[in-house]
């Protein structure tokens, strides 16, 4: 799976909106939407924050799992 698919899946699993996640990351919803559509890649800082939010590893978010 690609990062965009993982981000969307994890967000939906937790019942969060794109707006809520964007606020957590201190970015706009439009910016976050670009992550989930694959049109932009999250910054390293955002990946770390998302891993903390979803309680998963950064490797998992990056699609580096077996």
PDB file of N, CA and C in Angstrom:
ATOM      1  N   UNK A   1       0.839  -1.183   0.000  1.00  0.00           N
ATOM      2  CA  UNK A   1       0.000   0.000   0.000  1.00  0.00           C
ATOM      3  C   UNK A   1       0.883   1.246   0.000  1.00  0.00           C
ATOM      4  N   UNK A   2       0.392   2.282  -0.622  1.00  0.00           N
ATOM      5  CA  UNK A   2       1.101   3.559  -0.644  1.00  0.00           C
ATOM      6  C   UNK A   2       0.700   4.403   0.560  1.00  0.00           C
ATOM      7  N   UNK A   3       1.538   5.386   0.867  1.00  0.00           N
ATOM      8  CA  UNK A   3       1.291   6.245   2.038  1.00  0.00           C
ATOM      9  C   UNK A   3      -0.094   6.884   1.969  1.00  0.00           C
ATOM     10  N   UNK A   4      -0.527   7.305   0.787  1.00  0.00           N
ATOM     11  CA  UNK A   4      -1.838   7.957   0.667  1.00  0.00           C
ATOM     12  C   UNK A   4      -2.958   7.023   1.109  1.00  0.00           C
ATOM     13  N   UNK A   5      -2.853   5.755   0.756  1.00  0.00           N
ATOM     14  CA  UNK A   5      -3.887   4.783   1.129  1.00  0.00           C
ATOM     15  C   UNK A   5      -3.838   4.476   2.619  1.00  0.00           C
ATOM     16  N   UNK A   6      -2.636   4.386   3.157  1.00  0.00           N
ATOM     17  CA  UNK A   6      -2.477   4.103   4.584  1.00  0.00           C
ATOM     18  C   UNK A   6      -3.041   5.248   5.420  1.00  0.00           C
ATOM     19  N   UNK A   7      -2.733   6.480   5.021  1.00  0.00           N
ATOM     20  CA  UNK A   7      -3.236   7.635   5.769  1.00  0.00           C
ATOM     21  C   UNK A   7      -4.760   7.663   5.793  1.00  0.00           C
ATOM     22  N   UNK A   8      -5.362   7.422   4.652  1.00  0.00           N
ATOM     23  CA  UNK A   8      -6.824   7.442   4.572  1.00  0.00           C
ATOM     24  C   UNK A   8      -7.428   6.320   5.409  1.00  0.00           C
ATOM     25  N   UNK A   9      -6.856   5.128   5.308  1.00  0.00           N
ATOM     26  CA  UNK A   9      -7.358   3.980   6.062  1.00  0.00           C
ATOM     27  C   UNK A   9      -7.259   4.206   7.569  1.00  0.00           C
ATOM     28  N   UNK A  10      -6.118   4.688   8.021  1.00  0.00           N
ATOM     29  CA  UNK A  10      -5.927   4.915   9.456  1.00  0.00           C
ATOM     30  C   UNK A  10      -6.858   6.007   9.978  1.00  0.00           C
ATOM     31  N   UNK A  11      -7.033   7.059   9.198  1.00  0.00           N
ATOM     32  CA  UNK A  11      -7.939   8.141   9.611  1.00  0.00           C
ATOM     33  C   UNK A  11      -9.359   7.618   9.750  1.00  0.00           C
ATOM     34  N   UNK A  12      -9.803   6.867   8.749  1.00  0.00           N
ATOM     35  CA  UNK A  12     -11.180   6.345   8.775  1.00  0.00           C
ATOM     36  C   UNK A  12     -11.381   5.332   9.900  1.00  0.00           C
ATOM     37  N   UNK A  13     -10.372   4.503  10.170  1.00  0.00           N
ATOM     38  CA  UNK A  13     -10.448   3.527  11.266  1.00  0.00           C
ATOM     39  C   UNK A  13     -10.768   4.207  12.584  1.00  0.00           C
ATOM     40  N   UNK A  14     -10.248   5.411  12.744  1.00  0.00           N
ATOM     41  CA  UNK A  14     -10.400   6.138  14.001  1.00  0.00           C
ATOM     42  C   UNK A  14     -11.557   7.125  13.988  1.00  0.00           C
ATOM     43  N   UNK A  15     -12.294   7.159  12.883  1.00  0.00           N
ATOM     44  CA  UNK A  15     -13.463   8.029  12.803  1.00  0.00           C
ATOM     45  C   UNK A  15     -13.125   9.508  12.792  1.00  0.00           C
ATOM     46  N   UNK A  16     -11.961   9.845  12.250  1.00  0.00           N
ATOM     47  CA  UNK A  16     -11.550  11.247  12.192  1.00  0.00           C
ATOM     48  C   UNK A  16     -11.848  11.833  10.823  1.00  0.00           C
ATOM     49  N   UNK A  17     -12.079  13.122  10.798  1.00  0.00           N
ATOM     50  CA  UNK A  17     -12.264  13.820   9.529  1.00  0.00           C
ATOM     51  C   UNK A  17     -10.910  14.351   9.059  1.00  0.00           C
ATOM     52  N   UNK A  18     -10.846  14.689   7.786  1.00  0.00           N
ATOM     53  CA  UNK A  18      -9.627  15.310   7.271  1.00  0.00           C
ATOM     54  C   UNK A  18      -9.361  16.619   8.011  1.00  0.00           C
ATOM     55  N   UNK A  19     -10.411  17.343   8.324  1.00  0.00           N
ATOM     56  CA  UNK A  19     -10.260  18.613   9.049  1.00  0.00           C
ATOM     57  C   UNK A  19      -9.624  18.395  10.416  1.00  0.00           C
ATOM     58  N   UNK A  20     -10.060  17.379  11.131  1.00  0.00           N
ATOM     59  CA  UNK A  20      -9.514  17.108  12.463  1.00  0.00           C
ATOM     60  C   UNK A  20      -8.025  16.764  12.385  1.00  0.00           C
ATOM     61  N   UNK A  21      -7.667  15.935  11.425  1.00  0.00           N
ATOM     62  CA  UNK A  21      -6.261  15.560  11.269  1.00  0.00           C
ATOM     63  C   UNK A  21      -5.439  16.778  10.857  1.00  0.00           C
ATOM     64  N   UNK A  22      -5.968  17.569   9.949  1.00  0.00           N
ATOM     65  CA  UNK A  22      -5.267  18.781   9.509  1.00  0.00           C
ATOM     66  C   UNK A  22      -5.024  19.726  10.686  1.00  0.00           C
ATOM     67  N   UNK A  23      -6.026  19.898  11.537  1.00  0.00           N
ATOM     68  CA  UNK A  23      -5.862  20.755  12.715  1.00  0.00           C
ATOM     69  C   UNK A  23      -4.790  20.210  13.645  1.00  0.00           C
ATOM     70  N   UNK A  24      -4.760  18.890  13.816  1.00  0.00           N
ATOM     71  CA  UNK A  24      -3.736  18.252  14.644  1.00  0.00           C
ATOM     72  C   UNK A  24      -2.341  18.540  14.091  1.00  0.00           C
ATOM     73  N   UNK A  25      -2.228  18.536  12.761  1.00  0.00           N
ATOM     74  CA  UNK A  25      -0.940  18.789  12.100  1.00  0.00           C
ATOM     75  C   UNK A  25      -0.646  20.281  11.941  1.00  0.00           C
ATOM     76  N   UNK A  26      -1.640  21.106  12.264  1.00  0.00           N
ATOM     77  CA  UNK A  26      -1.520  22.558  12.114  1.00  0.00           C
ATOM     78  C   UNK A  26      -1.312  22.957  10.647  1.00  0.00           C
ATOM     79  N   UNK A  27      -2.090  22.305   9.764  1.00  0.00           N
ATOM     80  CA  UNK A  27      -2.089  22.639   8.343  1.00  0.00           C
ATOM     81  C   UNK A  27      -3.543  22.781   7.899  1.00  0.00           C
ATOM     82  N   UNK A  28      -3.764  23.237   6.679  1.00  0.00           N
ATOM     83  CA  UNK A  28      -5.136  23.356   6.180  1.00  0.00           C
ATOM     84  C   UNK A  28      -5.665  21.991   5.750  1.00  0.00           C
ATOM     85  N   UNK A  29      -6.990  21.880   5.714  1.00  0.00           N
ATOM     86  CA  UNK A  29      -7.596  20.641   5.243  1.00  0.00           C
ATOM     87  C   UNK A  29      -7.186  20.373   3.804  1.00  0.00           C
ATOM     88  N   UNK A  30      -7.110  21.429   2.996  1.00  0.00           N
ATOM     89  CA  UNK A  30      -6.717  21.278   1.593  1.00  0.00           C
ATOM     90  C   UNK A  30      -5.312  20.680   1.486  1.00  0.00           C
ATOM     91  N   UNK A  31      -4.407  21.125   2.339  1.00  0.00           N
ATOM     92  CA  UNK A  31      -3.049  20.573   2.337  1.00  0.00           C
ATOM     93  C   UNK A  31      -3.060  19.104   2.721  1.00  0.00           C
ATOM     94  N   UNK A  32      -3.865  18.767   3.732  1.00  0.00           N
ATOM     95  CA  UNK A  32      -3.941  17.362   4.150  1.00  0.00           C
ATOM     96  C   UNK A  32      -4.556  16.503   3.047  1.00  0.00           C
ATOM     97  N   UNK A  33      -5.555  17.018   2.367  1.00  0.00           N
ATOM     98  CA  UNK A  33      -6.195  16.281   1.276  1.00  0.00           C
ATOM     99  C   UNK A  33      -5.161  15.890   0.215  1.00  0.00           C
ATOM    100  N   UNK A  34      -4.207  16.758  -0.027  1.00  0.00           N
ATOM    101  CA  UNK A  34      -3.159  16.444  -1.008  1.00  0.00           C
ATOM    102  C   UNK A  34      -2.339  15.229  -0.580  1.00  0.00           C
ATOM    103  N   UNK A  35      -2.184  15.017   0.717  1.00  0.00           N
ATOM    104  CA  UNK A  35      -1.483  13.823   1.202  1.00  0.00           C
ATOM    105  C   UNK A  35      -2.283  12.569   0.853  1.00  0.00           C
ATOM    106  N   UNK A  36      -3.588  12.614   1.108  1.00  0.00           N
ATOM    107  CA  UNK A  36      -4.432  11.433   0.885  1.00  0.00           C
ATOM    108  C   UNK A  36      -4.694  11.147  -0.594  1.00  0.00           C
ATOM    109  N   UNK A  37      -4.491  12.133  -1.432  1.00  0.00           N
ATOM    110  CA  UNK A  37      -4.675  11.905  -2.869  1.00  0.00           C
ATOM    111  C   UNK A  37      -3.349  11.613  -3.568  1.00  0.00           C
ATOM    112  N   UNK A  38      -2.261  11.713  -2.830  1.00  0.00           N
ATOM    113  CA  UNK A  38      -0.954  11.421  -3.389  1.00  0.00           C
ATOM    114  C   UNK A  38      -0.365  12.547  -4.220  1.00  0.00           C
ATOM    115  N   UNK A  39      -0.974  13.721  -4.147  1.00  0.00           N
ATOM    116  CA  UNK A  39      -0.466  14.858  -4.920  1.00  0.00           C
ATOM    117  C   UNK A  39       0.635  15.600  -4.187  1.00  0.00           C
ATOM    118  N   UNK A  40       0.809  15.291  -2.909  1.00  0.00           N
ATOM    119  CA  UNK A  40       1.866  15.887  -2.113  1.00  0.00           C
ATOM    120  C   UNK A  40       2.302  14.847  -1.081  1.00  0.00           C
ATOM    121  N   UNK A  41       3.534  14.926  -0.654  1.00  0.00           N
ATOM    122  CA  UNK A  41       4.069  13.989   0.329  1.00  0.00           C
ATOM    123  C   UNK A  41       4.198  14.707   1.669  1.00  0.00           C
ATOM    124  N   UNK A  42       3.762  14.064   2.755  1.00  0.00           N
ATOM    125  CA  UNK A  42       3.887  14.699   4.067  1.00  0.00           C
ATOM    126  C   UNK A  42       5.346  14.976   4.417  1.00  0.00           C
ATOM    127  N   UNK A  43       5.550  16.044   5.156  1.00  0.00           N
ATOM    128  CA  UNK A  43       6.891  16.347   5.657  1.00  0.00           C
ATOM    129  C   UNK A  43       7.283  15.297   6.692  1.00  0.00           C
ATOM    130  N   UNK A  44       8.560  15.246   6.992  1.00  0.00           N
ATOM    131  CA  UNK A  44       9.032  14.319   8.024  1.00  0.00           C
ATOM    132  C   UNK A  44       8.332  14.607   9.346  1.00  0.00           C
ATOM    133  N   UNK A  45       8.193  15.870   9.690  1.00  0.00           N
ATOM    134  CA  UNK A  45       7.525  16.258  10.931  1.00  0.00           C
ATOM    135  C   UNK A  45       6.076  15.761  10.952  1.00  0.00           C
ATOM    136  N   UNK A  46       5.385  15.912   9.828  1.00  0.00           N
ATOM    137  CA  UNK A  46       3.992  15.453   9.751  1.00  0.00           C
ATOM    138  C   UNK A  46       3.895  13.936   9.862  1.00  0.00           C
ATOM    139  N   UNK A  47       4.822  13.219   9.261  1.00  0.00           N
ATOM    140  CA  UNK A  47       4.813  11.752   9.354  1.00  0.00           C
ATOM    141  C   UNK A  47       4.987  11.320  10.801  1.00  0.00           C
ATOM    142  N   UNK A  48       5.893  11.972  11.507  1.00  0.00           N
ATOM    143  CA  UNK A  48       6.113  11.637  12.925  1.00  0.00           C
ATOM    144  C   UNK A  48       4.863  11.931  13.744  1.00  0.00           C
ATOM    145  N   UNK A  49       4.244  13.083  13.514  1.00  0.00           N
ATOM    146  CA  UNK A  49       3.016  13.436  14.246  1.00  0.00           C
ATOM    147  C   UNK A  49       1.884  12.464  13.930  1.00  0.00           C
ATOM    148  N   UNK A  50       1.761  12.077  12.658  1.00  0.00           N
ATOM    149  CA  UNK A  50       0.707  11.127  12.276  1.00  0.00           C
ATOM    150  C   UNK A  50       0.952   9.762  12.910  1.00  0.00           C
ATOM    151  N   UNK A  51       2.199   9.337  12.973  1.00  0.00           N
ATOM    152  CA  UNK A  51       2.523   8.064  13.629  1.00  0.00           C
ATOM    153  C   UNK A  51       2.128   8.119  15.101  1.00  0.00           C
ATOM    154  N   UNK A  52       2.384   9.243  15.747  1.00  0.00           N
ATOM    155  CA  UNK A  52       1.982   9.405  17.148  1.00  0.00           C
ATOM    156  C   UNK A  52       0.462   9.402  17.282  1.00  0.00           C
ATOM    157  N   UNK A  53      -0.216  10.123  16.407  1.00  0.00           N
ATOM    158  CA  UNK A  53      -1.680  10.197  16.449  1.00  0.00           C
ATOM    159  C   UNK A  53      -2.308   8.819  16.286  1.00  0.00           C
ATOM    160  N   UNK A  54      -1.806   8.060  15.316  1.00  0.00           N
ATOM    161  CA  UNK A  54      -2.390   6.743  15.011  1.00  0.00           C
ATOM    162  C   UNK A  54      -1.769   5.608  15.808  1.00  0.00           C
ATOM    163  N   UNK A  55      -0.735   5.940  16.599  1.00  0.00           N
ATOM    164  CA  UNK A  55      -0.040   4.940  17.424  1.00  0.00           C
ATOM    165  C   UNK A  55       0.499   3.791  16.565  1.00  0.00           C
ATOM    166  N   UNK A  56       1.177   4.185  15.481  1.00  0.00           N
ATOM    167  CA  UNK A  56       1.835   3.234  14.587  1.00  0.00           C
ATOM    168  C   UNK A  56       3.260   3.739  14.351  1.00  0.00           C
ATOM    169  N   UNK A  57       4.065   2.923  13.706  1.00  0.00           N
ATOM    170  CA  UNK A  57       5.432   3.352  13.415  1.00  0.00           C
ATOM    171  C   UNK A  57       5.472   4.198  12.148  1.00  0.00           C
ATOM    172  N   UNK A  58       6.526   4.985  12.044  1.00  0.00           N
ATOM    173  CA  UNK A  58       6.714   5.764  10.823  1.00  0.00           C
ATOM    174  C   UNK A  58       6.960   4.819   9.644  1.00  0.00           C
ATOM    175  N   UNK A  59       7.645   3.713   9.881  1.00  0.00           N
ATOM    176  CA  UNK A  59       7.861   2.730   8.813  1.00  0.00           C
ATOM    177  C   UNK A  59       6.529   2.230   8.265  1.00  0.00           C
ATOM    178  N   UNK A  60       5.580   1.960   9.158  1.00  0.00           N
ATOM    179  CA  UNK A  60       4.259   1.504   8.711  1.00  0.00           C
ATOM    180  C   UNK A  60       3.600   2.553   7.822  1.00  0.00           C
ATOM    181  N   UNK A  61       3.620   3.807   8.259  1.00  0.00           N
ATOM    182  CA  UNK A  61       2.990   4.863   7.462  1.00  0.00           C
ATOM    183  C   UNK A  61       3.648   4.999   6.089  1.00  0.00           C
ATOM    184  N   UNK A  62       4.929   4.715   6.032  1.00  0.00           N
ATOM    185  CA  UNK A  62       5.669   4.834   4.774  1.00  0.00           C
ATOM    186  C   UNK A  62       5.548   3.584   3.910  1.00  0.00           C
ATOM    187  N   UNK A  63       4.788   2.610   4.394  1.00  0.00           N
ATOM    188  CA  UNK A  63       4.574   1.393   3.613  1.00  0.00           C
ATOM    189  C   UNK A  63       5.708   0.390   3.738  1.00  0.00           C
ATOM    190  N   UNK A  64       6.529   0.551   4.766  1.00  0.00           N
ATOM    191  CA  UNK A  64       7.671  -0.336   4.969  1.00  0.00           C
ATOM    192  C   UNK A  64       7.340  -1.387   6.035  1.00  0.00           C
ATOM    193  N   UNK A  65       6.504  -2.317   5.681  1.00  0.00           N
ATOM    194  CA  UNK A  65       6.143  -3.393   6.603  1.00  0.00           C
ATOM    195  C   UNK A  65       5.996  -4.680   5.801  1.00  0.00           C
ATOM    196  N   UNK A  66       6.119  -5.802   6.502  1.00  0.00           N
ATOM    197  CA  UNK A  66       6.021  -7.107   5.830  1.00  0.00           C
ATOM    198  C   UNK A  66       4.684  -7.747   6.076  1.00  0.00           C
TER     199      UNK A  66
END
